[in-house]
C-alpha cells in the first residue's frame, strides 16, 4: 500500500478514537475548519458557548 494512503488510514483511525471534551455544556458557536481543510496543531476548531442567556 502506498505510504500516503497508510498515513491517511492511520489519521482516520486516530480521529475515530478521539474524544472531544468541552469545559461546559452548551451549543457550538463556531467551527473553524471544513472538510478537506488542513488544520495545524493548536488551531481553534470548535467554540462551545452557553445558551442560557438566549431567552
PDB file of N, CA and C in Angstrom:
ATOM      1  N   UNK A   1       0.856  -1.180   0.000  1.00  0.00           N
ATOM      2  CA  UNK A   1       0.000   0.000   0.000  1.00  0.00           C
ATOM      3  C   UNK A   1       0.900   1.241   0.000  1.00  0.00           C
ATOM      4  N   UNK A   2       0.492   2.239  -0.692  1.00  0.00           N
ATOM      5  CA  UNK A   2       1.223   3.496  -0.760  1.00  0.00           C
ATOM      6  C   UNK A   2       1.344   4.130   0.626  1.00  0.00           C
ATOM      7  N   UNK A   3       2.507   4.691   0.924  1.00  0.00           N
ATOM      8  CA  UNK A   3       2.753   5.301   2.243  1.00  0.00           C
ATOM      9  C   UNK A   3       1.732   6.386   2.556  1.00  0.00           C
ATOM     10  N   UNK A   4       1.377   7.205   1.575  1.00  0.00           N
ATOM     11  CA  UNK A   4       0.392   8.264   1.798  1.00  0.00           C
ATOM     12  C   UNK A   4      -0.962   7.711   2.205  1.00  0.00           C
ATOM     13  N   UNK A   5      -1.381   6.626   1.557  1.00  0.00           N
ATOM     14  CA  UNK A   5      -2.669   6.011   1.898  1.00  0.00           C
ATOM     15  C   UNK A   5      -2.635   5.414   3.298  1.00  0.00           C
ATOM     16  N   UNK A   6      -1.490   4.844   3.683  1.00  0.00           N
ATOM     17  CA  UNK A   6      -1.359   4.315   5.041  1.00  0.00           C
ATOM     18  C   UNK A   6      -1.481   5.428   6.076  1.00  0.00           C
ATOM     19  N   UNK A   7      -0.855   6.570   5.813  1.00  0.00           N
ATOM     20  CA  UNK A   7      -0.929   7.685   6.755  1.00  0.00           C
ATOM     21  C   UNK A   7      -2.348   8.218   6.869  1.00  0.00           C
ATOM     22  N   UNK A   8      -3.058   8.279   5.762  1.00  0.00           N
ATOM     23  CA  UNK A   8      -4.453   8.733   5.800  1.00  0.00           C
ATOM     24  C   UNK A   8      -5.294   7.753   6.620  1.00  0.00           C
ATOM     25  N   UNK A   9      -5.100   6.468   6.414  1.00  0.00           N
ATOM     26  CA  UNK A   9      -5.852   5.462   7.165  1.00  0.00           C
ATOM     27  C   UNK A   9      -5.563   5.569   8.663  1.00  0.00           C
ATOM     28  N   UNK A  10      -4.301   5.796   9.015  1.00  0.00           N
ATOM     29  CA  UNK A  10      -3.945   5.941  10.430  1.00  0.00           C
ATOM     30  C   UNK A  10      -4.566   7.197  11.027  1.00  0.00           C
ATOM     31  N   UNK A  11      -4.561   8.283  10.282  1.00  0.00           N
ATOM     32  CA  UNK A  11      -5.160   9.531  10.783  1.00  0.00           C
ATOM     33  C   UNK A  11      -6.656   9.358  10.999  1.00  0.00           C
ATOM     34  N   UNK A  12      -7.338   8.689  10.070  1.00  0.00           N
ATOM     35  CA  UNK A  12      -8.774   8.441  10.232  1.00  0.00           C
ATOM     36  C   UNK A  12      -9.050   7.585  11.459  1.00  0.00           C
ATOM     37  N   UNK A  13      -8.212   6.581  11.678  1.00  0.00           N
ATOM     38  CA  UNK A  13      -8.386   5.721  12.854  1.00  0.00           C
ATOM     39  C   UNK A  13      -8.202   6.513  14.144  1.00  0.00           C
ATOM     40  N   UNK A  14      -7.176   7.379  14.196  1.00  0.00           N
ATOM     41  CA  UNK A  14      -6.948   8.199  15.397  1.00  0.00           C
ATOM     42  C   UNK A  14      -8.125   9.142  15.639  1.00  0.00           C
ATOM     43  N   UNK A  15      -8.677   9.696  14.580  1.00  0.00           N
ATOM     44  CA  UNK A  15      -9.820  10.597  14.727  1.00  0.00           C
ATOM     45  C   UNK A  15     -11.043   9.842  15.228  1.00  0.00           C
ATOM     46  N   UNK A  16     -11.248   8.640  14.727  1.00  0.00           N
ATOM     47  CA  UNK A  16     -12.376   7.827  15.196  1.00  0.00           C
ATOM     48  C   UNK A  16     -12.260   7.508  16.680  1.00  0.00           C
ATOM     49  N   UNK A  17     -11.039   7.399  17.186  1.00  0.00           N
ATOM     50  CA  UNK A  17     -10.812   7.070  18.593  1.00  0.00           C
ATOM     51  C   UNK A  17     -10.738   8.307  19.489  1.00  0.00           C
ATOM     52  N   UNK A  18     -10.739   9.487  18.894  1.00  0.00           N
ATOM     53  CA  UNK A  18     -10.558  10.730  19.649  1.00  0.00           C
ATOM     54  C   UNK A  18     -11.790  11.045  20.500  1.00  0.00           C
ATOM     55  N   UNK A  19     -11.540  11.700  21.609  1.00  0.00           N
ATOM     56  CA  UNK A  19     -12.597  12.188  22.482  1.00  0.00           C
ATOM     57  C   UNK A  19     -12.486  13.706  22.536  1.00  0.00           C
ATOM     58  N   UNK A  20     -13.576  14.381  22.266  1.00  0.00           N
ATOM     59  CA  UNK A  20     -13.598  15.828  22.330  1.00  0.00           C
ATOM     60  C   UNK A  20     -14.288  16.236  23.616  1.00  0.00           C
ATOM     61  N   UNK A  21     -13.636  17.104  24.383  1.00  0.00           N
ATOM     62  CA  UNK A  21     -14.136  17.489  25.695  1.00  0.00           C
ATOM     63  C   UNK A  21     -14.321  18.999  25.736  1.00  0.00           C
ATOM     64  N   UNK A  22     -15.478  19.437  26.233  1.00  0.00           N
ATOM     65  CA  UNK A  22     -15.751  20.861  26.403  1.00  0.00           C
ATOM     66  C   UNK A  22     -15.744  21.185  27.895  1.00  0.00           C
ATOM     67  N   UNK A  23     -15.422  22.424  28.216  1.00  0.00           N
ATOM     68  CA  UNK A  23     -15.385  22.850  29.617  1.00  0.00           C
ATOM     69  C   UNK A  23     -16.760  22.875  30.255  1.00  0.00           C
ATOM     70  N   UNK A  24     -17.792  23.013  29.441  1.00  0.00           N
ATOM     71  CA  UNK A  24     -19.148  23.095  29.978  1.00  0.00           C
ATOM     72  C   UNK A  24     -20.145  22.638  28.912  1.00  0.00           C
ATOM     73  N   UNK A  25     -21.386  22.430  29.338  1.00  0.00           N
ATOM     74  CA  UNK A  25     -22.444  22.104  28.391  1.00  0.00           C
ATOM     75  C   UNK A  25     -22.807  23.362  27.616  1.00  0.00           C
ATOM     76  N   UNK A  26     -23.292  23.192  26.422  1.00  0.00           N
ATOM     77  CA  UNK A  26     -23.684  24.352  25.643  1.00  0.00           C
ATOM     78  C   UNK A  26     -23.937  23.994  24.195  1.00  0.00           C
ATOM     79  N   UNK A  27     -23.827  24.980  23.361  1.00  0.00           N
ATOM     80  CA  UNK A  27     -24.046  24.807  21.929  1.00  0.00           C
ATOM     81  C   UNK A  27     -22.778  25.213  21.180  1.00  0.00           C
ATOM     82  N   UNK A  28     -22.613  24.653  19.994  1.00  0.00           N
ATOM     83  CA  UNK A  28     -21.462  25.002  19.166  1.00  0.00           C
ATOM     84  C   UNK A  28     -21.724  26.369  18.538  1.00  0.00           C
ATOM     85  N   UNK A  29     -20.818  27.320  18.805  1.00  0.00           N
ATOM     86  CA  UNK A  29     -20.945  28.673  18.271  1.00  0.00           C
ATOM     87  C   UNK A  29     -20.087  28.900  17.038  1.00  0.00           C
ATOM     88  N   UNK A  30     -19.013  28.130  16.917  1.00  0.00           N
ATOM     89  CA  UNK A  30     -18.053  28.370  15.848  1.00  0.00           C
ATOM     90  C   UNK A  30     -17.387  27.058  15.463  1.00  0.00           C
ATOM     91  N   UNK A  31     -17.255  26.831  14.178  1.00  0.00           N
ATOM     92  CA  UNK A  31     -16.493  25.692  13.660  1.00  0.00           C
ATOM     93  C   UNK A  31     -15.409  26.272  12.768  1.00  0.00           C
ATOM     94  N   UNK A  32     -14.148  26.014  13.105  1.00  0.00           N
ATOM     95  CA  UNK A  32     -13.030  26.672  12.440  1.00  0.00           C
ATOM     96  C   UNK A  32     -12.428  25.954  11.267  1.00  0.00           C
ATOM     97  N   UNK A  33     -12.978  24.838  10.861  1.00  0.00           N
ATOM     98  CA  UNK A  33     -12.433  24.129   9.704  1.00  0.00           C
ATOM     99  C   UNK A  33     -13.565  23.428   8.966  1.00  0.00           C
ATOM    100  N   UNK A  34     -13.341  23.215   7.707  1.00  0.00           N
ATOM    101  CA  UNK A  34     -14.308  22.492   6.893  1.00  0.00           C
ATOM    102  C   UNK A  34     -13.648  21.244   6.350  1.00  0.00           C
ATOM    103  N   UNK A  35     -14.445  20.311   5.887  1.00  0.00           N
ATOM    104  CA  UNK A  35     -13.929  19.073   5.332  1.00  0.00           C
ATOM    105  C   UNK A  35     -12.921  19.399   4.230  1.00  0.00           C
ATOM    106  N   UNK A  36     -11.772  18.774   4.331  1.00  0.00           N
ATOM    107  CA  UNK A  36     -10.733  18.988   3.330  1.00  0.00           C
ATOM    108  C   UNK A  36      -9.705  20.039   3.704  1.00  0.00           C
ATOM    109  N   UNK A  37      -9.992  20.864   4.721  1.00  0.00           N
ATOM    110  CA  UNK A  37      -9.033  21.876   5.167  1.00  0.00           C
ATOM    111  C   UNK A  37      -7.918  21.232   5.968  1.00  0.00           C
ATOM    112  N   UNK A  38      -6.717  21.721   5.798  1.00  0.00           N
ATOM    113  CA  UNK A  38      -5.599  21.282   6.623  1.00  0.00           C
ATOM    114  C   UNK A  38      -5.642  22.077   7.925  1.00  0.00           C
ATOM    115  N   UNK A  39      -5.468  21.396   9.029  1.00  0.00           N
ATOM    116  CA  UNK A  39      -5.533  22.032  10.345  1.00  0.00           C
ATOM    117  C   UNK A  39      -4.198  21.843  11.052  1.00  0.00           C
ATOM    118  N   UNK A  40      -3.664  22.918  11.558  1.00  0.00           N
ATOM    119  CA  UNK A  40      -2.394  22.861  12.272  1.00  0.00           C
ATOM    120  C   UNK A  40      -2.644  22.642  13.762  1.00  0.00           C
ATOM    121  N   UNK A  41      -1.683  22.050  14.436  1.00  0.00           N
ATOM    122  CA  UNK A  41      -1.776  21.819  15.869  1.00  0.00           C
ATOM    123  C   UNK A  41      -2.005  23.150  16.589  1.00  0.00           C
ATOM    124  N   UNK A  42      -2.914  23.152  17.541  1.00  0.00           N
ATOM    125  CA  UNK A  42      -3.213  24.357  18.305  1.00  0.00           C
ATOM    126  C   UNK A  42      -4.297  25.227  17.692  1.00  0.00           C
ATOM    127  N   UNK A  43      -4.785  24.849  16.510  1.00  0.00           N
ATOM    128  CA  UNK A  43      -5.840  25.630  15.863  1.00  0.00           C
ATOM    129  C   UNK A  43      -7.152  25.487  16.628  1.00  0.00           C
ATOM    130  N   UNK A  44      -7.893  26.562  16.710  1.00  0.00           N
ATOM    131  CA  UNK A  44      -9.208  26.517  17.351  1.00  0.00           C
ATOM    132  C   UNK A  44     -10.178  25.918  16.343  1.00  0.00           C
ATOM    133  N   UNK A  45     -10.782  24.795  16.705  1.00  0.00           N
ATOM    134  CA  UNK A  45     -11.688  24.112  15.792  1.00  0.00           C
ATOM    135  C   UNK A  45     -13.147  24.307  16.148  1.00  0.00           C
ATOM    136  N   UNK A  46     -13.449  24.248  17.432  1.00  0.00           N
ATOM    137  CA  UNK A  46     -14.838  24.342  17.876  1.00  0.00           C
ATOM    138  C   UNK A  46     -14.907  25.272  19.080  1.00  0.00           C
ATOM    139  N   UNK A  47     -15.884  26.178  19.069  1.00  0.00           N
ATOM    140  CA  UNK A  47     -16.130  27.040  20.228  1.00  0.00           C
ATOM    141  C   UNK A  47     -17.524  26.676  20.751  1.00  0.00           C
ATOM    142  N   UNK A  48     -17.573  26.359  22.039  1.00  0.00           N
ATOM    143  CA  UNK A  48     -18.837  25.997  22.682  1.00  0.00           C
ATOM    144  C   UNK A  48     -19.216  27.117  23.633  1.00  0.00           C
ATOM    145  N   UNK A  49     -20.477  27.545  23.591  1.00  0.00           N
ATOM    146  CA  UNK A  49     -20.953  28.605  24.474  1.00  0.00           C
ATOM    147  C   UNK A  49     -22.256  28.207  25.144  1.00  0.00           C
ATOM    148  N   UNK A  50     -22.615  28.964  26.132  1.00  0.00           N
ATOM    149  CA  UNK A  50     -23.844  28.704  26.879  1.00  0.00           C
ATOM    150  C   UNK A  50     -25.033  29.306  26.143  1.00  0.00           C
ATOM    151  N   UNK A  51     -26.133  28.569  26.155  1.00  0.00           N
ATOM    152  CA  UNK A  51     -27.367  29.092  25.556  1.00  0.00           C
ATOM    153  C   UNK A  51     -28.345  29.563  26.631  1.00  0.00           C
ATOM    154  N   UNK A  52     -27.903  29.681  27.879  1.00  0.00           N
ATOM    155  CA  UNK A  52     -28.798  30.055  28.982  1.00  0.00           C
ATOM    156  C   UNK A  52     -29.297  31.494  28.867  1.00  0.00           C
ATOM    157  N   UNK A  53     -28.572  32.359  28.173  1.00  0.00           N
ATOM    158  CA  UNK A  53     -28.978  33.766  28.030  1.00  0.00           C
ATOM    159  C   UNK A  53     -29.863  34.019  26.814  1.00  0.00           C
ATOM    160  N   UNK A  54     -30.187  32.998  26.056  1.00  0.00           N
ATOM    161  CA  UNK A  54     -30.962  33.157  24.823  1.00  0.00           C
ATOM    162  C   UNK A  54     -32.452  32.998  25.100  1.00  0.00           C
ATOM    163  N   UNK A  55     -33.051  33.916  25.772  1.00  0.00           N
ATOM    164  CA  UNK A  55     -34.484  33.829  26.070  1.00  0.00           C
ATOM    165  C   UNK A  55     -35.179  35.086  25.635  1.00  0.00           C
TER     166      UNK A  55
END
